[in-house]
Structures are given as structure tokens and as C-alpha cells.
Amino acid sequence: MALEKMRRRWEAALQPVLRSFHRFSPATVTWLALPFGVGGGLLAMYAPDNASGGGWLLGGALMIALAMLFDGLDGSLARAKGEVTRWGDYLDHTIDRLLDATWVVCISASVFVGDLTLGLAAAFLTLLGSYMGTQAQAVAGARNYRGFSRADRTVLTLLSLVAMGVMLIAGVEVATTYPSPYAHITVNPLSLIVFISALGGIWTFLVRFLQAKGEIQALDEREPLPQPNQKAESDASS
């Protein structure tokens, strides 16, 4: 949530980059986030548990950072060029969800976590939290950004990749594991982000559900939907 509030500052800092990308369509920039993001996830997934693996993780962090750059650039570019469209918004949200799931699953499948089931569960909970925001927008017309936002999660993912990469290059080893039933997982920056993503997804789901509940119920009181029975009674009386 805190990082979402920095959007205006981010867009102001992007002005020089916007000018260099002005000849591209916003949708093209949106699509660019996908290969960079997937590539970053794959580097994390296949990084070996040695000093060279640290370089893989740092490379993965760089690619994910570039994906974030494109993700933040597309909307700003669309507004700057006066090309804001529903398709652009839809495409942006779709690729965001694909990358959210890809990153947590790839990290979970890596040698540093080694639990794909946990990763799939964390991905599900992450997407569930995001779904509540978009569904609230579809029903009530207002986007709900409360909870553990995508910006927060992505920045923490980047930091975990960098921290793990530096640990590998420096030869730092950690033998501590989590309590049962996760005693097979070592406590390290990458395993921490998987658990944080899962717990953050649950929290985001609850926070957004409760907020949307109040907003939608208030909307129902102000603007009740037409009821089928009322239409039938109106047709019968006429």
C-alpha cells in the first residue's frame, strides 16, 4: 500500500524515459514486461546453490526490475500520449497476474526453497488477493488497493533475490529450517518471500473483502438494482 502512494513521484521521474519511448504504443511496452519477467523467474528457478548461482539471482533481479520498469511505464506512456484504453488496462492487469504467479512459483521450485506445492499455494493466495481488488472495481466501480499491494510484494521479491545472491557470492550458509511441516525448507531470503506472499495474499483478501463489503452495501442502498419481480408487476399492471 505504501509503495502505491509513490505513483506520482514515479511518473515524474519517468519523464525522460517516456520521451525516449514515445514512438512505441503503450501496449507494446506492456508486452515487453512479460519476457523480462519470465526470464527473471527462470533465472531464479534454475540458479545453482553456489557462488555462480549468486550471479544468476542478481541477473534475475535485474530482469524483474526491468519488467517492473516496463509495467510502470506503460500507463504513464498511455496518459502522456492520450492513448488510455480499456484494452490497455485489461492487458496490463493480465500480465501482472501472470508474472505474480510466475515469480512465486519459480522461486518455490528453486533449490533454495524446494517446495513447489507451497509455491502453488502462495501463487493461489496472491492471485486471490489481487482478484478481490479487480472484482470490487467491476462491481462498485472503484479499485481497492488496500492490503499487501503488488508493488510491495514485487519490491520485496527483488530484495530477496539480491540478498540471496549476495549471500551465495559471499559464501554465507544458513542451516536453520522452519518448524514442521516445513522442516525441509531452509530459512533464507527466498523462502521468506514465499511465505510472506502467501500470508500477504490471505491478509489482502480479508482486508479488501471487508472494505468492498461496506462499499457495495452502501451502493446498494443508494442505487438499488432493478428487481425481476418489480418488472413483472409493472408489466402486469399496464
Protein backbone atom coordinates (compact mmCIF):
# COMPACT_ATOMS: atom_id res chain seq x y z
CA MET A 1 0.00 0.00 0.00
CA ALA A 2 2.81 2.41 0.89
CA LEU A 3 4.53 1.99 -2.46
CA GLU A 4 1.31 2.57 -4.39
CA LYS A 5 1.28 6.12 -2.97
CA MET A 6 4.57 6.87 -4.73
CA ARG A 7 2.99 6.60 -8.21
CA ARG A 8 3.03 10.38 -8.89
CA ARG A 9 6.68 10.70 -7.95
CA TRP A 10 7.46 7.64 -10.07
CA GLU A 11 5.71 9.13 -13.10
CA ALA A 12 7.57 12.43 -12.65
CA ALA A 13 10.91 10.59 -12.55
CA LEU A 14 9.94 8.67 -15.69
CA GLN A 15 9.55 11.74 -17.90
CA PRO A 16 12.97 11.39 -19.61
CA VAL A 17 12.28 7.70 -20.28
CA LEU A 18 8.79 8.49 -21.58
CA ARG A 19 10.25 10.77 -24.21
CA SER A 20 12.56 8.01 -25.48
CA PHE A 21 9.65 5.52 -25.68
CA HIS A 22 7.21 7.96 -27.25
CA ARG A 23 7.31 6.22 -30.64
CA PHE A 24 6.12 2.93 -29.10
CA SER A 25 2.49 2.10 -28.37
CA PRO A 26 1.61 1.60 -24.67
CA ALA A 27 0.52 -1.99 -25.41
CA THR A 28 3.96 -2.79 -26.87
CA VAL A 29 5.60 -1.59 -23.67
CA THR A 30 3.14 -3.68 -21.63
CA TRP A 31 4.08 -6.81 -23.58
CA LEU A 32 7.79 -6.16 -23.01
CA ALA A 33 7.32 -6.79 -19.28
CA LEU A 34 6.35 -10.42 -19.93
CA PRO A 35 9.58 -11.88 -21.41
CA PHE A 36 11.78 -9.96 -18.98
CA GLY A 37 9.66 -11.03 -16.02
CA VAL A 38 9.51 -14.69 -17.05
CA GLY A 39 13.25 -14.67 -17.77
CA GLY A 40 13.94 -13.32 -14.30
CA GLY A 41 11.80 -16.02 -12.73
CA LEU A 42 13.56 -18.78 -14.70
CA LEU A 43 16.99 -17.50 -13.65
CA ALA A 44 15.89 -17.76 -10.01
CA MET A 45 14.38 -21.19 -10.59
CA TYR A 46 17.49 -22.75 -12.14
CA ALA A 47 20.17 -20.91 -10.14
CA PRO A 48 22.63 -23.38 -8.58
CA ASP A 49 23.37 -23.34 -4.87
CA ASN A 50 26.90 -21.96 -5.19
CA ALA A 51 28.73 -18.70 -5.84
CA SER A 52 27.86 -18.72 -9.54
CA GLY A 53 24.21 -19.09 -8.55
CA GLY A 54 24.52 -15.72 -6.85
CA GLY A 55 25.16 -14.19 -10.25
CA TRP A 56 22.08 -15.96 -11.63
CA LEU A 57 19.95 -14.49 -8.85
CA LEU A 58 21.33 -11.00 -9.34
CA GLY A 59 20.63 -11.35 -13.06
CA GLY A 60 17.11 -12.49 -12.25
CA ALA A 61 16.63 -9.46 -10.02
CA LEU A 62 17.82 -7.19 -12.84
CA MET A 63 15.37 -8.73 -15.32
CA ILE A 64 12.47 -8.44 -12.87
CA ALA A 65 13.46 -4.82 -12.23
CA LEU A 66 13.27 -4.18 -15.98
CA ALA A 67 9.86 -5.87 -16.06
CA MET A 68 8.77 -3.51 -13.28
CA LEU A 69 10.09 -0.57 -15.28
CA PHE A 70 8.00 -1.53 -18.31
CA ASP A 71 5.00 -2.22 -16.09
CA GLY A 72 5.20 1.27 -14.61
CA LEU A 73 5.99 2.87 -17.95
CA ASP A 74 3.02 1.64 -19.99
CA GLY A 75 0.32 3.50 -18.07
CA SER A 76 2.38 6.68 -17.86
CA LEU A 77 3.06 6.48 -21.60
CA ALA A 78 -0.63 5.96 -22.36
CA ARG A 79 -1.58 9.04 -20.34
CA ALA A 80 1.20 11.13 -21.87
CA LYS A 81 0.15 10.19 -25.42
CA GLY A 82 -3.59 10.37 -24.75
CA GLU A 83 -3.97 6.67 -25.60
CA VAL A 84 -5.62 5.34 -22.45
CA THR A 85 -7.83 2.38 -23.44
CA ARG A 86 -9.81 -0.36 -21.74
CA TRP A 87 -7.76 -2.96 -23.63
CA GLY A 88 -4.54 -1.48 -22.30
CA ASP A 89 -5.82 -1.66 -18.73
CA TYR A 90 -7.03 -5.24 -19.24
CA LEU A 91 -3.73 -6.34 -20.81
CA ASP A 92 -1.73 -4.69 -18.03
CA HIS A 93 -3.69 -6.49 -15.29
CA THR A 94 -3.43 -9.81 -17.14
CA ILE A 95 0.34 -9.68 -17.47
CA ASP A 96 0.66 -8.50 -13.86
CA ARG A 97 -1.19 -11.60 -12.68
CA LEU A 98 0.88 -13.91 -14.89
CA LEU A 99 4.12 -12.51 -13.53
CA ASP A 100 2.92 -12.53 -9.93
CA ALA A 101 2.26 -16.27 -10.18
CA THR A 102 5.41 -16.98 -12.20
CA TRP A 103 7.77 -15.37 -9.70
CA VAL A 104 6.49 -17.08 -6.59
CA VAL A 105 6.24 -20.48 -8.31
CA CYS A 106 9.73 -20.22 -9.83
CA ILE A 107 11.28 -19.21 -6.51
CA SER A 108 9.48 -22.05 -4.73
CA ALA A 109 10.71 -24.56 -7.30
CA SER A 110 14.30 -23.40 -6.89
CA VAL A 111 16.90 -25.31 -4.90
CA PHE A 112 16.69 -22.60 -2.23
CA VAL A 113 13.10 -23.49 -1.30
CA GLY A 114 12.38 -26.82 -2.97
CA ASP A 115 8.64 -26.95 -2.37
CA LEU A 116 6.52 -26.48 -5.49
CA THR A 117 3.30 -27.25 -3.62
CA LEU A 118 3.96 -24.34 -1.28
CA GLY A 119 4.67 -22.14 -4.28
CA LEU A 120 1.42 -23.06 -5.99
CA ALA A 121 -0.48 -22.35 -2.77
CA ALA A 122 1.29 -19.00 -2.38
CA ALA A 123 0.52 -18.15 -6.02
CA PHE A 124 -3.15 -19.01 -5.49
CA LEU A 125 -3.40 -16.83 -2.40
CA THR A 126 -1.55 -13.99 -4.14
CA LEU A 127 -3.94 -14.10 -7.08
CA LEU A 128 -6.91 -14.35 -4.70
CA GLY A 129 -5.91 -11.11 -3.02
CA SER A 130 -5.49 -9.40 -6.40
CA TYR A 131 -8.85 -10.75 -7.56
CA MET A 132 -10.64 -9.01 -4.71
CA GLY A 133 -9.33 -5.66 -5.89
CA THR A 134 -10.40 -6.11 -9.51
CA GLN A 135 -13.74 -7.64 -8.56
CA ALA A 136 -14.51 -4.69 -6.30
CA GLN A 137 -13.75 -2.43 -9.24
CA ALA A 138 -16.06 -4.45 -11.51
CA VAL A 139 -18.96 -4.33 -9.04
CA ALA A 140 -18.56 -0.96 -7.32
CA GLY A 141 -16.51 0.93 -9.91
CA ALA A 142 -13.61 1.73 -7.54
CA ARG A 143 -10.28 -0.13 -7.43
CA ASN A 144 -9.30 -1.43 -3.99
CA TYR A 145 -5.54 -1.24 -3.31
CA ARG A 146 -5.58 -1.98 0.40
CA GLY A 147 -3.57 -4.80 1.92
CA PHE A 148 -0.27 -6.19 0.68
CA SER A 149 -0.02 -4.47 -2.70
CA ARG A 150 1.68 -5.80 -5.81
CA ALA A 151 4.29 -3.03 -5.60
CA ASP A 152 5.17 -4.02 -2.03
CA ARG A 153 5.38 -7.71 -2.94
CA THR A 154 7.48 -7.13 -6.06
CA VAL A 155 9.99 -4.88 -4.32
CA LEU A 156 10.39 -7.42 -1.51
CA THR A 157 10.88 -10.15 -4.11
CA LEU A 158 13.64 -8.10 -5.70
CA LEU A 159 15.30 -7.52 -2.34
CA SER A 160 15.13 -11.23 -1.51
CA LEU A 161 16.80 -12.15 -4.81
CA VAL A 162 19.56 -9.61 -4.26
CA ALA A 163 20.08 -10.67 -0.63
CA MET A 164 20.25 -14.36 -1.54
CA GLY A 165 22.59 -13.62 -4.44
CA VAL A 166 24.97 -11.66 -2.21
CA MET A 167 24.86 -14.44 0.41
CA LEU A 168 25.85 -17.04 -2.19
CA ILE A 169 28.68 -14.92 -3.59
CA ALA A 170 29.95 -14.20 -0.06
CA GLY A 171 29.72 -17.87 0.89
CA VAL A 172 27.22 -17.31 3.70
CA GLU A 173 25.41 -20.53 4.65
CA VAL A 174 22.27 -20.90 6.75
CA ALA A 175 21.32 -24.25 8.32
CA THR A 176 18.19 -23.15 10.20
CA THR A 177 14.93 -24.63 8.98
CA TYR A 178 11.27 -23.81 9.58
CA PRO A 179 9.12 -25.70 12.10
CA SER A 180 7.17 -28.76 10.94
CA PRO A 181 5.57 -29.29 8.44
CA TYR A 182 8.15 -27.13 6.65
CA ALA A 183 11.24 -28.52 8.33
CA HIS A 184 12.62 -29.43 4.90
CA ILE A 185 12.84 -25.74 3.92
CA THR A 186 15.85 -23.62 4.90
CA VAL A 187 15.24 -20.16 6.32
CA ASN A 188 16.64 -17.77 3.72
CA PRO A 189 15.51 -14.62 1.87
CA LEU A 190 13.82 -16.58 -0.93
CA SER A 191 11.85 -18.92 1.31
CA LEU A 192 10.81 -15.92 3.41
CA ILE A 193 9.30 -14.12 0.40
CA VAL A 194 7.26 -17.21 -0.48
CA PHE A 195 5.73 -17.34 3.00
CA ILE A 196 5.26 -13.57 3.02
CA SER A 197 3.47 -13.76 -0.33
CA ALA A 198 1.14 -16.48 0.96
CA LEU A 199 0.32 -14.69 4.22
CA GLY A 200 0.08 -11.35 2.40
CA GLY A 201 -2.42 -12.88 -0.02
CA ILE A 202 -4.64 -14.05 2.85
CA TRP A 203 -4.45 -10.68 4.58
CA THR A 204 -5.14 -8.78 1.35
CA PHE A 205 -8.15 -10.97 0.60
CA LEU A 206 -9.66 -10.31 4.02
CA VAL A 207 -8.92 -6.56 4.04
CA ARG A 208 -10.28 -6.00 0.54
CA PHE A 209 -13.31 -8.22 1.08
CA LEU A 210 -14.34 -6.35 4.19
CA GLN A 211 -13.80 -2.92 2.65
CA ALA A 212 -15.64 -3.89 -0.54
CA LYS A 213 -18.49 -5.33 1.51
CA GLY A 214 -19.16 -1.98 3.14
CA GLU A 215 -18.80 -0.01 -0.10
CA ILE A 216 -21.03 -2.33 -2.13
CA GLN A 217 -23.74 -2.48 0.54
CA ALA A 218 -23.74 1.32 0.72
CA LEU A 219 -24.02 1.44 -3.07
CA ASP A 220 -26.95 -0.99 -2.95
CA GLU A 221 -28.75 1.35 -0.56
CA ARG A 222 -28.13 4.43 -2.73
CA GLU A 223 -28.73 2.80 -6.10
CA PRO A 224 -30.64 -0.47 -5.71
CA LEU A 225 -30.59 -2.76 -8.71
CA PRO A 226 -33.84 -3.32 -10.64
CA GLN A 227 -35.61 -6.44 -9.43
CA PRO A 228 -37.20 -9.01 -11.80
CA ASN A 229 -40.37 -9.14 -9.65
CA GLN A 230 -40.83 -5.39 -9.91
CA LYS A 231 -40.64 -5.52 -13.69
CA ALA A 232 -43.14 -8.36 -13.88
CA GLU A 233 -45.58 -6.49 -11.59
CA SER A 234 -45.16 -3.33 -13.67
CA ASP A 235 -45.89 -5.21 -16.90
CA ALA A 236 -48.97 -6.87 -15.36
CA SER A 237 -50.42 -3.58 -14.11
CA SER A 238 -50.01 -1.94 -17.51
